[in-house]
Structure formats: C-alpha cells, structure tokens
Amino acid sequence: MHRSNSATRPLRAAVRIALFALTLLGPRAALAESTIKRPGAHPAYVFEAEPHAIVAPFDDFLPGAGFRGTIELVDNGFVSSINNTVGIGFGADWIKDHLRVPVVMQWNFWLTSHWSVFGEPGGNLRFDYQGKSSFHAEPALYVGGRYAFSDSVALTLRVGYPTASVGVSFLL
C-alpha cells in the first residue's frame, strides 16, 4: 500500500521517539516512589498547554498537528483518597482535509513524581473542508500518559478514538 507508507511515517517516528524516551527514562522511573495514595502530591497548575503531532488512524492514518488546553477544575478529583485531578480539555486538531475541535473531561491519576496517566471521554466537532464544507459531532475517547521532566514540562502520549498524538505538556 503506497499511501500508507508515507502516511504512517509521522506515527512511526512519534512511536520511536516515545519508546526511546521510555528506554532512557525507565531505570530512573523504576526507583520513583508511588504518590497515588497521597492526594495533592502533584505539580500545582491551573492550565495545561499541549502542542502535539497527531495521526488519525480511523482516517487512513492521515498526519496532522494540534493543540490541547486543559483547565484543572478539581484538585482532589472524584476519589478523595488518591492523588487525582479533574479538568476540562479543549483544542484543535488539523488533519489534511478536516479540523477537529475536541472537548473532553480529563481525569488524571498521579502515580509518581514523574508519571501520570489519564482518561478522556468526550466528543469532537469535525469540520470537513474538502469539496463541500460540512460539520458534525462525533464521540471521542482517549487514554494517555505523561512523563514529567520537571514540575512544569512533560512528554505526553494519547491514544484512542478518533486520533492518537504525542506532544509536550506545559503545566502552568
């Protein structure tokens, strides 16, 4: 398949970068102390800004770029006995012939001082602009993780429906 080779290059490159980073950071992370049972033991922030590279596996693996912003709504999330936060995420993802505007609830679980994971249920407004312009709503469901280089910068990987992304998060 000739088109899939060139279309999947950005995804393969992103996966290689993420795996390389995990290889370098793995031994250090193994020594990290768990913070999941310590509510509030995470970076203090009110907004997460995340530029990212994106691939749309449900749209012929088309590559793109995007931005996600998340506002923290609850510092000690739905489960008061664990280290979790809840926010609302929104953004824009540009892919070859369309734009997606995601709106999601982000539930974060802060596992160690360097690692966190999250789930994001929500939806997208999709604007198609090739040929006849149109837009429609579609569901969105993502899971992801972050490796924090510091209290304010992290490598972020997100996979799900309808896209996958790798980017850098700035916790502000």
N, C-alpha and C. Protein backbone atom coordinates (compact mmCIF):
# COMPACT_ATOMS: atom_id res chain seq x y z
N MET A 1 0.83 -1.18 0.00
CA MET A 1 0.00 0.00 0.00
C MET A 1 0.87 1.24 0.00
N HIS A 2 0.94 1.87 -1.08
CA HIS A 2 1.83 3.00 -1.29
C HIS A 2 1.47 4.20 -0.40
N ARG A 3 0.18 4.54 -0.24
CA ARG A 3 -0.18 5.70 0.56
C ARG A 3 0.06 5.49 2.05
N SER A 4 -0.06 4.27 2.55
CA SER A 4 0.10 4.04 3.98
C SER A 4 1.54 4.20 4.43
N ASN A 5 2.52 3.93 3.53
CA ASN A 5 3.91 4.10 3.93
C ASN A 5 4.23 5.56 4.26
N SER A 6 3.83 6.48 3.38
CA SER A 6 4.12 7.88 3.63
C SER A 6 3.20 8.45 4.71
N ALA A 7 1.99 7.96 4.79
CA ALA A 7 1.05 8.48 5.79
C ALA A 7 1.39 8.01 7.20
N THR A 8 2.02 6.87 7.34
CA THR A 8 2.31 6.36 8.68
C THR A 8 3.68 6.79 9.19
N ARG A 9 4.48 7.45 8.38
CA ARG A 9 5.81 7.89 8.83
C ARG A 9 5.76 8.74 10.09
N PRO A 10 4.86 9.75 10.17
CA PRO A 10 4.83 10.56 11.40
C PRO A 10 4.48 9.72 12.63
N LEU A 11 3.55 8.78 12.48
CA LEU A 11 3.18 7.93 13.60
C LEU A 11 4.35 7.06 14.02
N ARG A 12 5.02 6.44 13.05
CA ARG A 12 6.17 5.60 13.38
C ARG A 12 7.27 6.41 14.05
N ALA A 13 7.50 7.62 13.55
CA ALA A 13 8.52 8.47 14.16
C ALA A 13 8.14 8.83 15.59
N ALA A 14 6.87 9.16 15.82
CA ALA A 14 6.41 9.51 17.17
C ALA A 14 6.55 8.33 18.12
N VAL A 15 6.19 7.14 17.65
CA VAL A 15 6.32 5.94 18.49
C VAL A 15 7.78 5.67 18.81
N ARG A 16 8.66 5.81 17.83
CA ARG A 16 10.10 5.61 18.08
C ARG A 16 10.65 6.59 19.11
N ILE A 17 10.24 7.85 18.99
CA ILE A 17 10.70 8.87 19.95
C ILE A 17 10.19 8.53 21.35
N ALA A 18 8.92 8.16 21.45
CA ALA A 18 8.36 7.82 22.76
C ALA A 18 9.05 6.60 23.35
N LEU A 19 9.30 5.57 22.54
CA LEU A 19 9.98 4.37 23.04
C LEU A 19 11.42 4.68 23.45
N PHE A 20 12.10 5.51 22.68
CA PHE A 20 13.46 5.91 23.02
C PHE A 20 13.47 6.66 24.36
N ALA A 21 12.52 7.58 24.52
CA ALA A 21 12.43 8.33 25.78
C ALA A 21 12.15 7.40 26.95
N LEU A 22 11.25 6.44 26.75
CA LEU A 22 10.94 5.49 27.82
C LEU A 22 12.15 4.62 28.15
N THR A 23 12.93 4.25 27.14
CA THR A 23 14.13 3.45 27.38
C THR A 23 15.13 4.22 28.23
N LEU A 24 15.31 5.49 27.91
CA LEU A 24 16.24 6.32 28.68
C LEU A 24 15.75 6.59 30.09
N LEU A 25 14.44 6.74 30.22
CA LEU A 25 13.88 7.15 31.50
C LEU A 25 13.43 5.99 32.36
N GLY A 26 13.33 4.81 31.80
CA GLY A 26 12.81 3.64 32.51
C GLY A 26 13.51 3.32 33.81
N PRO A 27 14.84 3.17 33.84
CA PRO A 27 15.51 2.83 35.10
C PRO A 27 15.28 3.87 36.20
N ARG A 28 15.25 5.13 35.83
CA ARG A 28 15.01 6.20 36.79
C ARG A 28 13.59 6.11 37.35
N ALA A 29 12.63 5.79 36.47
CA ALA A 29 11.23 5.70 36.89
C ALA A 29 11.01 4.51 37.82
N ALA A 30 11.78 3.44 37.64
CA ALA A 30 11.62 2.26 38.48
C ALA A 30 11.95 2.58 39.93
N LEU A 31 12.78 3.59 40.18
CA LEU A 31 13.16 3.97 41.53
C LEU A 31 12.21 4.99 42.14
N ALA A 32 11.28 5.51 41.36
CA ALA A 32 10.38 6.55 41.84
C ALA A 32 9.42 6.02 42.90
N GLU A 33 9.15 6.85 43.89
CA GLU A 33 8.23 6.49 44.96
C GLU A 33 6.80 6.76 44.51
N SER A 34 5.90 5.84 44.79
CA SER A 34 4.50 6.00 44.43
C SER A 34 3.86 7.16 45.19
N THR A 35 3.08 7.97 44.47
CA THR A 35 2.35 9.07 45.10
C THR A 35 0.85 8.91 44.95
N ILE A 36 0.38 7.80 44.40
CA ILE A 36 -1.04 7.63 44.11
C ILE A 36 -1.89 7.71 45.39
N LYS A 37 -1.37 7.27 46.52
CA LYS A 37 -2.14 7.30 47.77
C LYS A 37 -1.89 8.56 48.59
N ARG A 38 -1.29 9.59 47.94
CA ARG A 38 -1.02 10.86 48.61
C ARG A 38 -1.73 11.99 47.86
N PRO A 39 -3.02 12.22 48.16
CA PRO A 39 -3.76 13.27 47.46
C PRO A 39 -3.01 14.61 47.50
N GLY A 40 -2.98 15.27 46.36
CA GLY A 40 -2.33 16.57 46.27
C GLY A 40 -0.84 16.53 45.99
N ALA A 41 -0.24 15.33 45.92
CA ALA A 41 1.22 15.21 45.68
C ALA A 41 1.50 15.23 44.18
N HIS A 42 1.15 16.33 43.54
CA HIS A 42 1.38 16.52 42.11
C HIS A 42 1.70 17.99 41.86
N PRO A 43 2.19 18.31 40.67
CA PRO A 43 2.50 19.72 40.39
C PRO A 43 1.27 20.61 40.55
N ALA A 44 1.46 21.78 41.09
CA ALA A 44 0.39 22.76 41.21
C ALA A 44 0.27 23.48 39.87
N TYR A 45 -0.90 23.40 39.26
CA TYR A 45 -1.13 24.07 37.98
C TYR A 45 -2.61 24.34 37.83
N VAL A 46 -2.97 25.29 36.98
CA VAL A 46 -4.37 25.57 36.68
C VAL A 46 -4.67 25.33 35.21
N PHE A 47 -3.62 25.34 34.36
CA PHE A 47 -3.82 25.16 32.93
C PHE A 47 -2.69 24.32 32.36
N GLU A 48 -3.04 23.37 31.52
CA GLU A 48 -2.06 22.55 30.80
C GLU A 48 -2.14 22.92 29.32
N ALA A 49 -1.04 23.35 28.75
CA ALA A 49 -0.96 23.69 27.33
C ALA A 49 -0.16 22.59 26.63
N GLU A 50 -0.74 22.00 25.59
CA GLU A 50 -0.08 20.85 24.95
C GLU A 50 -0.13 20.92 23.41
N PRO A 51 0.94 21.44 22.78
CA PRO A 51 1.05 21.30 21.32
C PRO A 51 1.45 19.85 21.02
N HIS A 52 0.94 19.30 19.91
CA HIS A 52 1.24 17.90 19.61
C HIS A 52 1.20 17.57 18.12
N ALA A 53 1.89 16.49 17.78
CA ALA A 53 1.77 15.88 16.45
C ALA A 53 0.66 14.85 16.57
N ILE A 54 -0.06 14.66 15.49
CA ILE A 54 -1.25 13.80 15.56
C ILE A 54 -1.30 12.88 14.36
N VAL A 55 -1.94 11.75 14.54
CA VAL A 55 -2.24 10.86 13.43
C VAL A 55 -3.69 10.39 13.63
N ALA A 56 -4.39 10.23 12.51
CA ALA A 56 -5.79 9.82 12.55
C ALA A 56 -5.92 8.40 12.00
N PRO A 57 -5.78 7.38 12.85
CA PRO A 57 -5.80 6.00 12.36
C PRO A 57 -7.14 5.59 11.75
N PHE A 58 -8.22 6.30 12.08
CA PHE A 58 -9.52 5.96 11.51
C PHE A 58 -9.81 6.76 10.24
N ASP A 59 -8.85 7.59 9.82
CA ASP A 59 -8.94 8.38 8.58
C ASP A 59 -7.72 8.07 7.71
N ASP A 60 -7.47 6.81 7.39
CA ASP A 60 -6.34 6.39 6.55
C ASP A 60 -4.98 6.82 7.11
N PHE A 61 -4.85 6.92 8.43
CA PHE A 61 -3.60 7.29 9.09
C PHE A 61 -3.07 8.64 8.62
N LEU A 62 -3.96 9.58 8.41
CA LEU A 62 -3.53 10.91 7.99
C LEU A 62 -2.81 11.62 9.13
N PRO A 63 -1.68 12.27 8.86
CA PRO A 63 -0.95 13.01 9.89
C PRO A 63 -1.50 14.42 10.04
N GLY A 64 -1.15 15.06 11.15
CA GLY A 64 -1.57 16.43 11.37
C GLY A 64 -0.87 17.01 12.58
N ALA A 65 -1.38 18.15 13.02
CA ALA A 65 -0.84 18.83 14.19
C ALA A 65 -1.99 19.43 14.97
N GLY A 66 -1.76 19.65 16.25
CA GLY A 66 -2.84 20.19 17.05
C GLY A 66 -2.38 20.82 18.34
N PHE A 67 -3.36 21.27 19.10
CA PHE A 67 -3.12 21.87 20.40
C PHE A 67 -4.26 21.47 21.31
N ARG A 68 -3.92 21.12 22.54
CA ARG A 68 -4.93 20.81 23.55
C ARG A 68 -4.64 21.68 24.76
N GLY A 69 -5.67 22.29 25.30
CA GLY A 69 -5.58 23.04 26.55
C GLY A 69 -6.51 22.41 27.55
N THR A 70 -6.06 22.24 28.78
CA THR A 70 -6.90 21.65 29.82
C THR A 70 -6.89 22.56 31.04
N ILE A 71 -8.07 22.90 31.51
CA ILE A 71 -8.23 23.70 32.72
C ILE A 71 -8.54 22.75 33.87
N GLU A 72 -7.73 22.81 34.92
CA GLU A 72 -7.99 21.97 36.08
C GLU A 72 -9.21 22.52 36.82
N LEU A 73 -10.21 21.65 37.03
CA LEU A 73 -11.43 22.05 37.72
C LEU A 73 -11.44 21.62 39.18
N VAL A 74 -10.93 20.41 39.44
CA VAL A 74 -10.95 19.85 40.80
C VAL A 74 -9.56 19.33 41.11
N ASP A 75 -8.93 19.88 42.15
CA ASP A 75 -7.58 19.47 42.51
C ASP A 75 -7.55 18.09 43.16
N ASN A 76 -8.51 17.75 43.93
CA ASN A 76 -8.60 16.42 44.51
C ASN A 76 -9.86 15.80 43.91
N GLY A 77 -9.69 15.06 42.84
CA GLY A 77 -10.77 14.61 41.97
C GLY A 77 -11.88 13.79 42.58
N PHE A 78 -12.42 12.87 41.81
CA PHE A 78 -13.60 12.10 42.18
C PHE A 78 -13.37 11.14 43.35
N VAL A 79 -12.12 10.74 43.57
CA VAL A 79 -11.80 9.81 44.66
C VAL A 79 -10.86 10.54 45.62
N SER A 80 -11.38 10.94 46.77
CA SER A 80 -10.61 11.80 47.68
C SER A 80 -9.41 11.11 48.32
N SER A 81 -9.35 9.79 48.31
CA SER A 81 -8.25 9.08 48.97
C SER A 81 -7.04 8.84 48.06
N ILE A 82 -7.12 9.25 46.78
CA ILE A 82 -5.98 9.06 45.88
C ILE A 82 -5.57 10.39 45.25
N ASN A 83 -4.40 10.39 44.63
CA ASN A 83 -3.81 11.56 44.00
C ASN A 83 -4.38 11.72 42.59
N ASN A 84 -5.47 12.49 42.46
CA ASN A 84 -6.12 12.63 41.14
C ASN A 84 -6.65 14.04 40.98
N THR A 85 -6.76 14.46 39.72
CA THR A 85 -7.34 15.76 39.39
C THR A 85 -8.32 15.58 38.25
N VAL A 86 -9.22 16.53 38.09
CA VAL A 86 -10.21 16.50 37.01
C VAL A 86 -10.19 17.86 36.32
N GLY A 87 -10.19 17.82 35.00
CA GLY A 87 -10.20 19.05 34.24
C GLY A 87 -11.07 18.95 33.01
N ILE A 88 -11.25 20.05 32.33
CA ILE A 88 -11.94 20.08 31.04
C ILE A 88 -10.92 20.45 29.98
N GLY A 89 -10.85 19.62 28.94
CA GLY A 89 -9.90 19.83 27.86
C GLY A 89 -10.60 20.27 26.59
N PHE A 90 -9.94 21.10 25.83
CA PHE A 90 -10.47 21.59 24.56
C PHE A 90 -9.29 21.88 23.64
N GLY A 91 -9.53 21.93 22.35
CA GLY A 91 -8.41 22.20 21.46
C GLY A 91 -8.81 22.23 20.01
N ALA A 92 -7.80 22.01 19.15
CA ALA A 92 -7.99 21.98 17.71
C ALA A 92 -6.95 21.03 17.12
N ASP A 93 -7.40 20.13 16.28
CA ASP A 93 -6.52 19.18 15.59
C ASP A 93 -6.72 19.33 14.09
N TRP A 94 -5.64 19.74 13.39
CA TRP A 94 -5.71 19.91 11.95
C TRP A 94 -5.17 18.66 11.27
N ILE A 95 -5.98 18.10 10.40
CA ILE A 95 -5.60 16.93 9.61
C ILE A 95 -5.90 17.29 8.16
N LYS A 96 -5.24 16.68 7.23
CA LYS A 96 -5.25 17.04 5.81
C LYS A 96 -6.52 17.74 5.30
N ASP A 97 -7.67 17.14 5.46
CA ASP A 97 -8.88 17.71 4.87
C ASP A 97 -9.96 18.07 5.89
N HIS A 98 -9.59 18.11 7.17
CA HIS A 98 -10.58 18.47 8.17
C HIS A 98 -9.94 19.01 9.46
N LEU A 99 -10.79 19.61 10.26
CA LEU A 99 -10.41 20.15 11.56
C LEU A 99 -11.31 19.51 12.60
N ARG A 100 -10.71 19.04 13.68
CA ARG A 100 -11.49 18.52 14.80
C ARG A 100 -11.30 19.45 15.99
N VAL A 101 -12.40 19.73 16.69
CA VAL A 101 -12.37 20.53 17.90
C VAL A 101 -12.82 19.63 19.05
N PRO A 102 -11.85 19.07 19.81
CA PRO A 102 -12.22 18.18 20.91
C PRO A 102 -12.64 18.94 22.16
N VAL A 103 -13.60 18.37 22.88
CA VAL A 103 -13.99 18.83 24.21
C VAL A 103 -14.13 17.56 25.04
N VAL A 104 -13.30 17.45 26.09
CA VAL A 104 -13.26 16.22 26.88
C VAL A 104 -13.17 16.54 28.37
N MET A 105 -13.54 15.55 29.18
CA MET A 105 -13.25 15.61 30.60
C MET A 105 -11.95 14.82 30.78
N GLN A 106 -10.98 15.40 31.45
CA GLN A 106 -9.71 14.71 31.67
C GLN A 106 -9.61 14.34 33.15
N TRP A 107 -9.47 13.03 33.42
CA TRP A 107 -9.30 12.55 34.79
C TRP A 107 -7.87 12.04 34.91
N ASN A 108 -7.07 12.72 35.70
CA ASN A 108 -5.65 12.41 35.88
C ASN A 108 -5.41 11.59 37.13
N PHE A 109 -4.48 10.65 37.04
CA PHE A 109 -4.03 9.87 38.18
C PHE A 109 -2.52 10.05 38.26
N TRP A 110 -2.04 10.67 39.33
CA TRP A 110 -0.62 11.00 39.50
C TRP A 110 0.03 9.83 40.24
N LEU A 111 0.78 9.00 39.51
CA LEU A 111 1.33 7.75 40.04
C LEU A 111 2.62 7.93 40.82
N THR A 112 3.53 8.74 40.28
CA THR A 112 4.82 9.05 40.93
C THR A 112 5.12 10.52 40.65
N SER A 113 6.28 10.97 41.10
CA SER A 113 6.64 12.37 40.82
C SER A 113 6.88 12.61 39.33
N HIS A 114 7.11 11.54 38.55
CA HIS A 114 7.36 11.69 37.12
C HIS A 114 6.25 11.16 36.22
N TRP A 115 5.46 10.22 36.69
CA TRP A 115 4.49 9.54 35.83
C TRP A 115 3.05 9.85 36.23
N SER A 116 2.22 10.13 35.23
CA SER A 116 0.78 10.25 35.43
C SER A 116 0.07 9.64 34.23
N VAL A 117 -1.14 9.19 34.46
CA VAL A 117 -1.98 8.63 33.40
C VAL A 117 -3.33 9.34 33.45
N PHE A 118 -4.07 9.27 32.36
CA PHE A 118 -5.36 9.94 32.32
C PHE A 118 -6.31 9.25 31.37
N GLY A 119 -7.59 9.49 31.58
CA GLY A 119 -8.65 9.08 30.67
C GLY A 119 -9.41 10.31 30.24
N GLU A 120 -9.89 10.30 29.00
CA GLU A 120 -10.59 11.46 28.46
C GLU A 120 -11.82 11.06 27.65
N PRO A 121 -13.00 10.99 28.27
CA PRO A 121 -14.23 10.81 27.49
C PRO A 121 -14.73 12.19 27.03
N GLY A 122 -15.36 12.22 25.86
CA GLY A 122 -15.90 13.48 25.38
C GLY A 122 -16.36 13.38 23.94
N GLY A 123 -16.17 14.44 23.20
CA GLY A 123 -16.60 14.48 21.82
C GLY A 123 -15.79 15.48 21.01
N ASN A 124 -16.00 15.44 19.70
CA ASN A 124 -15.36 16.34 18.75
C ASN A 124 -16.41 16.98 17.87
N LEU A 125 -16.17 18.22 17.50
CA LEU A 125 -16.87 18.80 16.36
C LEU A 125 -15.91 18.66 15.20
N ARG A 126 -16.35 18.03 14.13
CA ARG A 126 -15.50 17.81 12.97
C ARG A 126 -15.98 18.68 11.82
N PHE A 127 -15.04 19.49 11.30
CA PHE A 127 -15.33 20.37 10.19
C PHE A 127 -14.58 19.85 8.97
N ASP A 128 -15.29 19.38 7.97
CA ASP A 128 -14.69 18.91 6.72
C ASP A 128 -14.69 20.08 5.73
N TYR A 129 -13.56 20.29 5.06
CA TYR A 129 -13.48 21.42 4.14
C TYR A 129 -12.92 21.04 2.78
N GLN A 130 -13.01 19.78 2.41
CA GLN A 130 -12.61 19.38 1.06
C GLN A 130 -13.89 19.19 0.26
N GLY A 131 -13.98 19.87 -0.86
CA GLY A 131 -15.22 19.81 -1.64
C GLY A 131 -16.29 20.63 -0.93
N LYS A 132 -17.40 20.00 -0.59
CA LYS A 132 -18.47 20.67 0.16
C LYS A 132 -18.10 20.75 1.63
N SER A 133 -18.19 21.93 2.19
CA SER A 133 -17.90 22.09 3.62
C SER A 133 -19.06 21.53 4.44
N SER A 134 -18.72 20.85 5.53
CA SER A 134 -19.75 20.32 6.41
C SER A 134 -19.16 20.14 7.81
N PHE A 135 -20.03 19.95 8.77
CA PHE A 135 -19.53 19.62 10.10
C PHE A 135 -20.52 18.70 10.80
N HIS A 136 -19.99 17.91 11.71
CA HIS A 136 -20.83 17.03 12.52
C HIS A 136 -20.13 16.73 13.84
N ALA A 137 -20.88 16.22 14.78
CA ALA A 137 -20.32 15.83 16.08
C ALA A 137 -19.97 14.35 16.04
N GLU A 138 -18.92 13.98 16.75
CA GLU A 138 -18.52 12.58 16.84
C GLU A 138 -18.02 12.31 18.27
N PRO A 139 -18.13 11.07 18.72
CA PRO A 139 -17.62 10.75 20.07
C PRO A 139 -16.10 10.74 20.09
N ALA A 140 -15.55 10.89 21.28
CA ALA A 140 -14.09 10.81 21.47
C ALA A 140 -13.84 10.08 22.78
N LEU A 141 -12.82 9.22 22.77
CA LEU A 141 -12.42 8.51 23.98
C LEU A 141 -10.93 8.25 23.90
N TYR A 142 -10.19 8.77 24.86
CA TYR A 142 -8.74 8.66 24.86
C TYR A 142 -8.23 8.16 26.21
N VAL A 143 -7.05 7.54 26.17
CA VAL A 143 -6.26 7.26 27.35
C VAL A 143 -4.86 7.76 27.04
N GLY A 144 -4.14 8.13 28.08
CA GLY A 144 -2.81 8.65 27.83
C GLY A 144 -1.95 8.63 29.07
N GLY A 145 -0.74 9.08 28.87
CA GLY A 145 0.21 9.16 29.96
C GLY A 145 1.20 10.27 29.74
N ARG A 146 1.82 10.68 30.83
CA ARG A 146 2.82 11.74 30.79
C ARG A 146 4.06 11.29 31.53
N TYR A 147 5.21 11.67 31.01
CA TYR A 147 6.45 11.57 31.76
C TYR A 147 6.90 13.00 32.02
N ALA A 148 6.96 13.39 33.28
CA ALA A 148 7.32 14.77 33.65
C ALA A 148 8.83 14.90 33.78
N PHE A 149 9.39 15.82 33.00
CA PHE A 149 10.81 16.14 33.10
C PHE A 149 11.06 17.08 34.27
N SER A 150 10.03 17.85 34.62
CA SER A 150 10.10 18.79 35.74
C SER A 150 8.66 18.98 36.23
N ASP A 151 8.45 19.88 37.18
CA ASP A 151 7.09 20.15 37.66
C ASP A 151 6.24 20.86 36.62
N SER A 152 6.85 21.35 35.54
CA SER A 152 6.07 22.11 34.57
C SER A 152 6.17 21.65 33.12
N VAL A 153 6.99 20.62 32.81
CA VAL A 153 7.14 20.15 31.43
C VAL A 153 7.07 18.62 31.40
N ALA A 154 6.27 18.08 30.47
CA ALA A 154 6.13 16.63 30.37
C ALA A 154 5.96 16.19 28.92
N LEU A 155 6.42 14.98 28.62
CA LEU A 155 6.15 14.32 27.34
C LEU A 155 4.79 13.64 27.49
N THR A 156 3.87 13.87 26.56
CA THR A 156 2.51 13.34 26.66
C THR A 156 2.18 12.49 25.45
N LEU A 157 1.66 11.29 25.71
CA LEU A 157 1.21 10.37 24.67
C LEU A 157 -0.27 10.09 24.90
N ARG A 158 -1.07 10.21 23.83
CA ARG A 158 -2.52 9.99 23.92
C ARG A 158 -2.93 9.07 22.77
N VAL A 159 -3.72 8.04 23.08
CA VAL A 159 -4.25 7.15 22.06
C VAL A 159 -5.75 6.96 22.30
N GLY A 160 -6.47 6.71 21.22
CA GLY A 160 -7.90 6.49 21.37
C GLY A 160 -8.65 6.67 20.08
N TYR A 161 -9.91 7.02 20.21
CA TYR A 161 -10.75 7.26 19.06
C TYR A 161 -11.12 8.73 19.06
N PRO A 162 -10.90 9.44 17.99
CA PRO A 162 -10.53 9.03 16.65
C PRO A 162 -9.07 9.29 16.28
N THR A 163 -8.23 9.73 17.23
CA THR A 163 -6.85 10.08 16.89
C THR A 163 -5.88 9.58 17.95
N ALA A 164 -4.60 9.73 17.64
CA ALA A 164 -3.51 9.47 18.59
C ALA A 164 -2.53 10.63 18.45
N SER A 165 -1.85 10.97 19.56
CA SER A 165 -0.94 12.12 19.49
C SER A 165 0.23 11.94 20.44
N VAL A 166 1.30 12.67 20.14
CA VAL A 166 2.45 12.78 21.04
C VAL A 166 2.81 14.26 21.07
N GLY A 167 3.03 14.77 22.27
CA GLY A 167 3.32 16.19 22.40
C GLY A 167 4.04 16.53 23.68
N VAL A 168 4.16 17.81 23.92
CA VAL A 168 4.81 18.31 25.13
C VAL A 168 3.78 19.11 25.91
N SER A 169 3.62 18.76 27.18
CA SER A 169 2.68 19.48 28.05
C SER A 169 3.43 20.47 28.91
N PHE A 170 2.86 21.67 29.01
CA PHE A 170 3.38 22.71 29.88
C PHE A 170 2.33 22.96 30.95
N LEU A 171 2.66 22.63 32.20
CA LEU A 171 1.73 22.81 33.31
C LEU A 171 1.94 24.21 33.89
N LEU A 172 0.98 25.06 33.67
CA LEU A 172 1.09 26.48 34.04
C LEU A 172 0.21 26.83 35.22
